[in-house]
Amino acid sequence: MNILILVIFFGLSAFTLAAGVMVVTVKNIIHAALWLIASFFSVAALYLLMEAEFIAIVQVLVYVGAISILVLFAIMLTRHVTGEGVRQLYQRWWVALIVAAALFGVLIVPTVFNFQWSVPTAPDQSAGLSSAVQIGTAFMREYLLPFEIASVLLLVALIGAIVIAFEERASRRRVLTLAEEVELRRQRGESLRLAATPTVPEAQNTGSAPSQP
């Protein structure tokens, strides 16, 4: 059983790292956002593997359900961001890679050498359940006002994004359908023919005009 858990852990870890690399390397920014969502889901699966169900649910609700939607809203409200020919990496990308590797080493090395690698005892299921219940009760009692204010702010942000998108759409020129474009061209052609064809009085005047000596 422990071997299976290790295999699942390393598989999820590899997928998380691969999804993170795809976020910064793919050309299409929408695909990058989808890879980011996949990375968040894999991190939530890691939390479930470590028997942290509440943190896994919060990971899905906050990061997958809020942060990812915010990123997708930013992509939808930004024009010309999905071009395949846009340069994706900075010329000195290796500097950022070295800095990121150095920071990762500074954070992970003390953790690896100072952590007591012992098999923990089985966690108390009732304690975990009661802590989740207490957090939910606190949200509905002590922290009800901040919780409602945060929800109202998110709702206002959502409505504002919709209004901005609607105003940008209204300011843009409406794209005609094929039938409307054909009808418009037909009307323009008829108006041009009517303008080029002389009227009857003009034709009579032209025909009855005396010749100059």
C-alpha atoms as a PDB file:
ATOM      1  CA  MET A   1       0.000   0.000   0.000  1.00  0.00           C
ATOM      2  CA  ASN A   2       2.840   2.387   0.821  1.00  0.00           C
ATOM      3  CA  ILE A   3       4.456   1.641  -2.540  1.00  0.00           C
ATOM      4  CA  LEU A   4       1.213   2.473  -4.326  1.00  0.00           C
ATOM      5  CA  ILE A   5       0.920   5.747  -2.402  1.00  0.00           C
ATOM      6  CA  LEU A   6       4.516   6.627  -3.324  1.00  0.00           C
ATOM      7  CA  VAL A   7       3.849   5.871  -6.983  1.00  0.00           C
ATOM      8  CA  ILE A   8       0.725   8.054  -6.963  1.00  0.00           C
ATOM      9  CA  PHE A   9       2.601  10.814  -5.125  1.00  0.00           C
ATOM     10  CA  PHE A  10       5.504  10.881  -7.586  1.00  0.00           C
ATOM     11  CA  GLY A  11       3.099  10.682 -10.521  1.00  0.00           C
ATOM     12  CA  LEU A  12       1.085  13.651  -9.279  1.00  0.00           C
ATOM     13  CA  SER A  13       4.275  15.573  -8.503  1.00  0.00           C
ATOM     14  CA  ALA A  14       5.637  14.953 -12.001  1.00  0.00           C
ATOM     15  CA  PHE A  15       2.343  16.002 -13.562  1.00  0.00           C
ATOM     16  CA  THR A  16       2.275  19.183 -11.442  1.00  0.00           C
ATOM     17  CA  LEU A  17       5.783  20.128 -12.536  1.00  0.00           C
ATOM     18  CA  ALA A  18       5.025  19.301 -16.176  1.00  0.00           C
ATOM     19  CA  ALA A  19       1.841  21.404 -16.079  1.00  0.00           C
ATOM     20  CA  GLY A  20       3.776  24.309 -14.557  1.00  0.00           C
ATOM     21  CA  VAL A  21       6.380  24.087 -17.322  1.00  0.00           C
ATOM     22  CA  MET A  22       3.633  24.017 -19.954  1.00  0.00           C
ATOM     23  CA  VAL A  23       2.077  27.157 -18.447  1.00  0.00           C
ATOM     24  CA  VAL A  24       5.202  29.201 -19.228  1.00  0.00           C
ATOM     25  CA  THR A  25       6.167  27.551 -22.523  1.00  0.00           C
ATOM     26  CA  VAL A  26       2.988  27.136 -24.606  1.00  0.00           C
ATOM     27  CA  LYS A  27       2.306  29.798 -27.241  1.00  0.00           C
ATOM     28  CA  ASN A  28      -1.438  30.065 -26.765  1.00  0.00           C
ATOM     29  CA  ILE A  29      -2.316  31.872 -23.549  1.00  0.00           C
ATOM     30  CA  ILE A  30      -5.690  30.113 -23.307  1.00  0.00           C
ATOM     31  CA  HIS A  31      -3.888  26.765 -23.344  1.00  0.00           C
ATOM     32  CA  ALA A  32      -1.589  28.156 -20.628  1.00  0.00           C
ATOM     33  CA  ALA A  33      -4.625  28.965 -18.471  1.00  0.00           C
ATOM     34  CA  LEU A  34      -5.953  25.427 -18.969  1.00  0.00           C
ATOM     35  CA  TRP A  35      -2.597  23.946 -17.961  1.00  0.00           C
ATOM     36  CA  LEU A  36      -2.678  26.184 -14.875  1.00  0.00           C
ATOM     37  CA  ILE A  37      -6.065  24.734 -13.932  1.00  0.00           C
ATOM     38  CA  ALA A  38      -4.661  21.222 -14.393  1.00  0.00           C
ATOM     39  CA  SER A  39      -1.757  22.102 -12.095  1.00  0.00           C
ATOM     40  CA  PHE A  40      -4.167  23.370  -9.420  1.00  0.00           C
ATOM     41  CA  PHE A  41      -6.185  20.153  -9.634  1.00  0.00           C
ATOM     42  CA  SER A  42      -3.058  18.025  -9.226  1.00  0.00           C
ATOM     43  CA  VAL A  43      -2.029  20.024  -6.151  1.00  0.00           C
ATOM     44  CA  ALA A  44      -5.506  19.408  -4.695  1.00  0.00           C
ATOM     45  CA  ALA A  45      -5.014  15.689  -5.373  1.00  0.00           C
ATOM     46  CA  LEU A  46      -1.726  15.843  -3.459  1.00  0.00           C
ATOM     47  CA  TYR A  47      -3.565  17.368  -0.506  1.00  0.00           C
ATOM     48  CA  LEU A  48      -6.100  14.557  -0.649  1.00  0.00           C
ATOM     49  CA  LEU A  49      -3.265  12.045  -0.724  1.00  0.00           C
ATOM     50  CA  MET A  50      -1.904  13.592   2.473  1.00  0.00           C
ATOM     51  CA  GLU A  51      -5.377  13.312   4.078  1.00  0.00           C
ATOM     52  CA  ALA A  52      -5.904  17.074   4.151  1.00  0.00           C
ATOM     53  CA  GLU A  53      -9.425  17.063   2.736  1.00  0.00           C
ATOM     54  CA  PHE A  54     -10.365  20.569   3.821  1.00  0.00           C
ATOM     55  CA  ILE A  55      -7.256  22.135   2.257  1.00  0.00           C
ATOM     56  CA  ALA A  56      -7.925  20.161  -0.942  1.00  0.00           C
ATOM     57  CA  ILE A  57     -11.485  21.499  -1.115  1.00  0.00           C
ATOM     58  CA  VAL A  58     -10.255  25.039  -0.463  1.00  0.00           C
ATOM     59  CA  GLN A  59      -7.631  24.553  -3.187  1.00  0.00           C
ATOM     60  CA  VAL A  60     -10.337  23.615  -5.695  1.00  0.00           C
ATOM     61  CA  LEU A  61     -12.788  26.334  -4.623  1.00  0.00           C
ATOM     62  CA  VAL A  62     -10.304  29.205  -4.372  1.00  0.00           C
ATOM     63  CA  TYR A  63      -7.667  28.492  -7.008  1.00  0.00           C
ATOM     64  CA  VAL A  64      -9.604  26.455  -9.568  1.00  0.00           C
ATOM     65  CA  GLY A  65     -12.937  28.160  -9.001  1.00  0.00           C
ATOM     66  CA  ALA A  66     -11.805  31.768  -8.416  1.00  0.00           C
ATOM     67  CA  ILE A  67      -8.227  32.436  -9.517  1.00  0.00           C
ATOM     68  CA  SER A  68      -8.562  30.479 -12.758  1.00  0.00           C
ATOM     69  CA  ILE A  69     -11.865  32.181 -13.599  1.00  0.00           C
ATOM     70  CA  LEU A  70     -10.221  35.536 -12.914  1.00  0.00           C
ATOM     71  CA  VAL A  71      -7.396  34.657 -15.310  1.00  0.00           C
ATOM     72  CA  LEU A  72      -9.885  33.567 -17.972  1.00  0.00           C
ATOM     73  CA  PHE A  73     -11.827  36.822 -17.536  1.00  0.00           C
ATOM     74  CA  ALA A  74      -8.595  38.779 -18.000  1.00  0.00           C
ATOM     75  CA  ILE A  75      -7.859  36.800 -21.170  1.00  0.00           C
ATOM     76  CA  MET A  76     -11.363  37.405 -22.560  1.00  0.00           C
ATOM     77  CA  LEU A  77     -11.164  41.144 -21.836  1.00  0.00           C
ATOM     78  CA  THR A  78      -7.770  41.487 -23.527  1.00  0.00           C
ATOM     79  CA  ARG A  79      -7.488  41.583 -27.300  1.00  0.00           C
ATOM     80  CA  HIS A  80      -4.867  39.954 -29.492  1.00  0.00           C
ATOM     81  CA  VAL A  81      -3.342  37.775 -26.786  1.00  0.00           C
ATOM     82  CA  THR A  82      -3.653  34.403 -28.488  1.00  0.00           C
ATOM     83  CA  GLY A  83      -1.231  34.993 -31.334  1.00  0.00           C
ATOM     84  CA  GLU A  84       1.026  32.108 -32.173  1.00  0.00           C
ATOM     85  CA  GLY A  85       3.778  34.303 -33.603  1.00  0.00           C
ATOM     86  CA  VAL A  86       4.359  36.368 -30.471  1.00  0.00           C
ATOM     87  CA  ARG A  87       7.696  35.796 -28.770  1.00  0.00           C
ATOM     88  CA  GLN A  88       6.960  33.849 -25.608  1.00  0.00           C
ATOM     89  CA  LEU A  89      10.305  33.750 -23.791  1.00  0.00           C
ATOM     90  CA  TYR A  90      12.522  36.633 -22.800  1.00  0.00           C
ATOM     91  CA  GLN A  91      15.969  36.729 -24.375  1.00  0.00           C
ATOM     92  CA  ARG A  92      17.649  36.212 -20.993  1.00  0.00           C
ATOM     93  CA  TRP A  93      15.291  33.514 -19.786  1.00  0.00           C
ATOM     94  CA  TRP A  94      18.226  31.567 -18.385  1.00  0.00           C
ATOM     95  CA  VAL A  95      18.739  34.312 -15.741  1.00  0.00           C
ATOM     96  CA  ALA A  96      15.193  33.800 -14.468  1.00  0.00           C
ATOM     97  CA  LEU A  97      15.761  30.038 -14.501  1.00  0.00           C
ATOM     98  CA  ILE A  98      18.916  30.358 -12.392  1.00  0.00           C
ATOM     99  CA  VAL A  99      17.190  32.680  -9.909  1.00  0.00           C
ATOM    100  CA  ALA A 100      14.193  30.343  -9.604  1.00  0.00           C
ATOM    101  CA  ALA A 101      16.466  27.306  -9.114  1.00  0.00           C
ATOM    102  CA  ALA A 102      18.484  29.164  -6.461  1.00  0.00           C
ATOM    103  CA  LEU A 103      15.349  30.177  -4.561  1.00  0.00           C
ATOM    104  CA  PHE A 104      14.015  26.634  -4.779  1.00  0.00           C
ATOM    105  CA  GLY A 105      17.290  25.288  -3.411  1.00  0.00           C
ATOM    106  CA  VAL A 106      17.325  27.806  -0.561  1.00  0.00           C
ATOM    107  CA  LEU A 107      13.800  26.747   0.407  1.00  0.00           C
ATOM    108  CA  ILE A 108      14.031  22.988  -0.078  1.00  0.00           C
ATOM    109  CA  VAL A 109      17.503  22.188   1.275  1.00  0.00           C
ATOM    110  CA  PRO A 110      16.829  23.262   4.903  1.00  0.00           C
ATOM    111  CA  THR A 111      13.489  21.485   4.767  1.00  0.00           C
ATOM    112  CA  VAL A 112      15.031  18.225   3.606  1.00  0.00           C
ATOM    113  CA  PHE A 113      17.873  18.236   6.129  1.00  0.00           C
ATOM    114  CA  ASN A 114      15.931  19.522   9.146  1.00  0.00           C
ATOM    115  CA  PHE A 115      12.740  17.507   8.769  1.00  0.00           C
ATOM    116  CA  GLN A 116      12.305  14.467  10.956  1.00  0.00           C
ATOM    117  CA  TRP A 117      11.586  11.696   8.465  1.00  0.00           C
ATOM    118  CA  SER A 118       9.547   9.430  10.692  1.00  0.00           C
ATOM    119  CA  VAL A 119       6.323   7.612   9.965  1.00  0.00           C
ATOM    120  CA  PRO A 120       3.514   9.594  11.639  1.00  0.00           C
ATOM    121  CA  THR A 121       0.731   7.950  13.541  1.00  0.00           C
ATOM    122  CA  ALA A 122      -2.730   7.675  12.088  1.00  0.00           C
ATOM    123  CA  PRO A 123      -4.503  11.030  12.334  1.00  0.00           C
ATOM    124  CA  ASP A 124      -7.583  11.400  14.457  1.00  0.00           C
ATOM    125  CA  GLN A 125     -10.498  11.503  12.035  1.00  0.00           C
ATOM    126  CA  SER A 126     -12.842  13.077  14.574  1.00  0.00           C
ATOM    127  CA  ALA A 127     -10.397  15.928  15.194  1.00  0.00           C
ATOM    128  CA  GLY A 128     -10.159  16.686  11.497  1.00  0.00           C
ATOM    129  CA  LEU A 129     -13.916  16.602  11.100  1.00  0.00           C
ATOM    130  CA  SER A 130     -14.478  18.814  14.126  1.00  0.00           C
ATOM    131  CA  SER A 131     -11.909  21.337  12.878  1.00  0.00           C
ATOM    132  CA  ALA A 132     -13.683  21.558   9.521  1.00  0.00           C
ATOM    133  CA  VAL A 133     -17.008  21.949  11.326  1.00  0.00           C
ATOM    134  CA  GLN A 134     -15.542  24.651  13.520  1.00  0.00           C
ATOM    135  CA  ILE A 135     -14.215  26.532  10.494  1.00  0.00           C
ATOM    136  CA  GLY A 136     -17.635  26.377   8.832  1.00  0.00           C
ATOM    137  CA  THR A 137     -19.351  27.494  12.032  1.00  0.00           C
ATOM    138  CA  ALA A 138     -16.902  30.387  12.367  1.00  0.00           C
ATOM    139  CA  PHE A 139     -17.688  31.450   8.800  1.00  0.00           C
ATOM    140  CA  MET A 140     -21.374  31.555   9.620  1.00  0.00           C
ATOM    141  CA  ARG A 141     -21.006  33.255  13.028  1.00  0.00           C
ATOM    142  CA  GLU A 142     -17.876  35.196  13.977  1.00  0.00           C
ATOM    143  CA  TYR A 143     -16.708  35.889  10.415  1.00  0.00           C
ATOM    144  CA  LEU A 144     -20.101  36.217   8.735  1.00  0.00           C
ATOM    145  CA  LEU A 145     -19.694  39.936   7.949  1.00  0.00           C
ATOM    146  CA  PRO A 146     -16.222  39.629   6.303  1.00  0.00           C
ATOM    147  CA  PHE A 147     -17.438  36.546   4.431  1.00  0.00           C
ATOM    148  CA  GLU A 148     -20.466  38.402   3.041  1.00  0.00           C
ATOM    149  CA  ILE A 149     -18.368  41.493   2.197  1.00  0.00           C
ATOM    150  CA  ALA A 150     -15.926  39.335   0.248  1.00  0.00           C
ATOM    151  CA  SER A 151     -18.798  37.692  -1.642  1.00  0.00           C
ATOM    152  CA  VAL A 152     -20.307  41.102  -2.495  1.00  0.00           C
ATOM    153  CA  LEU A 153     -16.924  42.355  -3.725  1.00  0.00           C
ATOM    154  CA  LEU A 154     -16.525  39.304  -5.963  1.00  0.00           C
ATOM    155  CA  LEU A 155     -20.046  39.828  -7.317  1.00  0.00           C
ATOM    156  CA  VAL A 156     -19.313  43.502  -8.048  1.00  0.00           C
ATOM    157  CA  ALA A 157     -16.089  42.529  -9.820  1.00  0.00           C
ATOM    158  CA  LEU A 158     -17.996  40.000 -11.925  1.00  0.00           C
ATOM    159  CA  ILE A 159     -20.662  42.560 -12.873  1.00  0.00           C
ATOM    160  CA  GLY A 160     -17.958  45.134 -13.669  1.00  0.00           C
ATOM    161  CA  ALA A 161     -16.196  42.709 -15.978  1.00  0.00           C
ATOM    162  CA  ILE A 162     -19.463  41.996 -17.795  1.00  0.00           C
ATOM    163  CA  VAL A 163     -20.186  45.734 -18.167  1.00  0.00           C
ATOM    164  CA  ILE A 164     -16.684  46.419 -19.525  1.00  0.00           C
ATOM    165  CA  ALA A 165     -16.987  43.574 -22.013  1.00  0.00           C
ATOM    166  CA  PHE A 166     -20.439  44.795 -23.109  1.00  0.00           C
ATOM    167  CA  GLU A 167     -19.200  48.376 -23.630  1.00  0.00           C
ATOM    168  CA  GLU A 168     -16.225  47.190 -25.689  1.00  0.00           C
ATOM    169  CA  ARG A 169     -18.501  45.014 -27.770  1.00  0.00           C
ATOM    170  CA  ALA A 170     -20.940  47.890 -28.325  1.00  0.00           C
ATOM    171  CA  SER A 171     -18.130  50.250 -29.374  1.00  0.00           C
ATOM    172  CA  ARG A 172     -16.825  47.817 -31.959  1.00  0.00           C
ATOM    173  CA  ARG A 173     -18.264  47.748 -35.476  1.00  0.00           C
ATOM    174  CA  ARG A 174     -20.894  45.075 -35.818  1.00  0.00           C
ATOM    175  CA  VAL A 175     -19.968  42.247 -38.150  1.00  0.00           C
ATOM    176  CA  LEU A 176     -22.603  41.735 -40.833  1.00  0.00           C
ATOM    177  CA  THR A 177     -23.952  38.336 -41.648  1.00  0.00           C
ATOM    178  CA  LEU A 178     -23.611  36.893 -45.135  1.00  0.00           C
ATOM    179  CA  ALA A 179     -27.232  37.690 -46.039  1.00  0.00           C
ATOM    180  CA  GLU A 180     -26.907  41.265 -44.761  1.00  0.00           C
ATOM    181  CA  GLU A 181     -23.681  41.770 -46.690  1.00  0.00           C
ATOM    182  CA  VAL A 182     -25.263  40.457 -49.917  1.00  0.00           C
ATOM    183  CA  GLU A 183     -28.287  42.732 -49.432  1.00  0.00           C
ATOM    184  CA  LEU A 184     -26.024  45.731 -48.754  1.00  0.00           C
ATOM    185  CA  ARG A 185     -23.976  45.052 -51.885  1.00  0.00           C
ATOM    186  CA  ARG A 186     -27.177  44.686 -53.936  1.00  0.00           C
ATOM    187  CA  GLN A 187     -28.476  48.012 -52.664  1.00  0.00           C
ATOM    188  CA  ARG A 188     -25.154  49.685 -53.401  1.00  0.00           C
ATOM    189  CA  GLY A 189     -25.143  48.220 -56.905  1.00  0.00           C
ATOM    190  CA  GLU A 190     -28.665  49.464 -57.600  1.00  0.00           C
ATOM    191  CA  SER A 191     -27.817  52.927 -56.315  1.00  0.00           C
ATOM    192  CA  LEU A 192     -24.728  53.051 -58.545  1.00  0.00           C
ATOM    193  CA  ARG A 193     -26.747  51.965 -61.592  1.00  0.00           C
ATOM    194  CA  LEU A 194     -29.412  54.563 -60.876  1.00  0.00           C
ATOM    195  CA  ALA A 195     -26.754  57.236 -60.525  1.00  0.00           C
ATOM    196  CA  ALA A 196     -25.110  56.220 -63.815  1.00  0.00           C
ATOM    197  CA  THR A 197     -28.382  55.978 -65.821  1.00  0.00           C
ATOM    198  CA  PRO A 198     -29.634  59.413 -67.093  1.00  0.00           C
ATOM    199  CA  THR A 199     -33.228  60.368 -66.448  1.00  0.00           C
ATOM    200  CA  VAL A 200     -35.842  60.804 -69.233  1.00  0.00           C
ATOM    201  CA  PRO A 201     -35.931  64.642 -69.290  1.00  0.00           C
ATOM    202  CA  GLU A 202     -32.157  64.737 -69.406  1.00  0.00           C
ATOM    203  CA  ALA A 203     -32.142  62.293 -72.323  1.00  0.00           C
ATOM    204  CA  GLN A 204     -34.762  64.349 -74.222  1.00  0.00           C
ATOM    205  CA  ASN A 205     -32.879  67.524 -73.599  1.00  0.00           C
ATOM    206  CA  THR A 206     -29.724  65.925 -74.831  1.00  0.00           C
ATOM    207  CA  GLY A 207     -31.426  64.619 -78.007  1.00  0.00           C
ATOM    208  CA  SER A 208     -33.246  67.870 -78.850  1.00  0.00           C
ATOM    209  CA  ALA A 209     -30.308  70.125 -78.253  1.00  0.00           C
ATOM    210  CA  PRO A 210     -29.437  71.994 -81.529  1.00  0.00           C
ATOM    211  CA  SER A 211     -26.049  71.486 -83.014  1.00  0.00           C
ATOM    212  CA  GLN A 212     -23.641  74.361 -82.823  1.00  0.00           C
ATOM    213  CA  PRO A 213     -22.616  75.872 -86.149  1.00  0.00           C
END
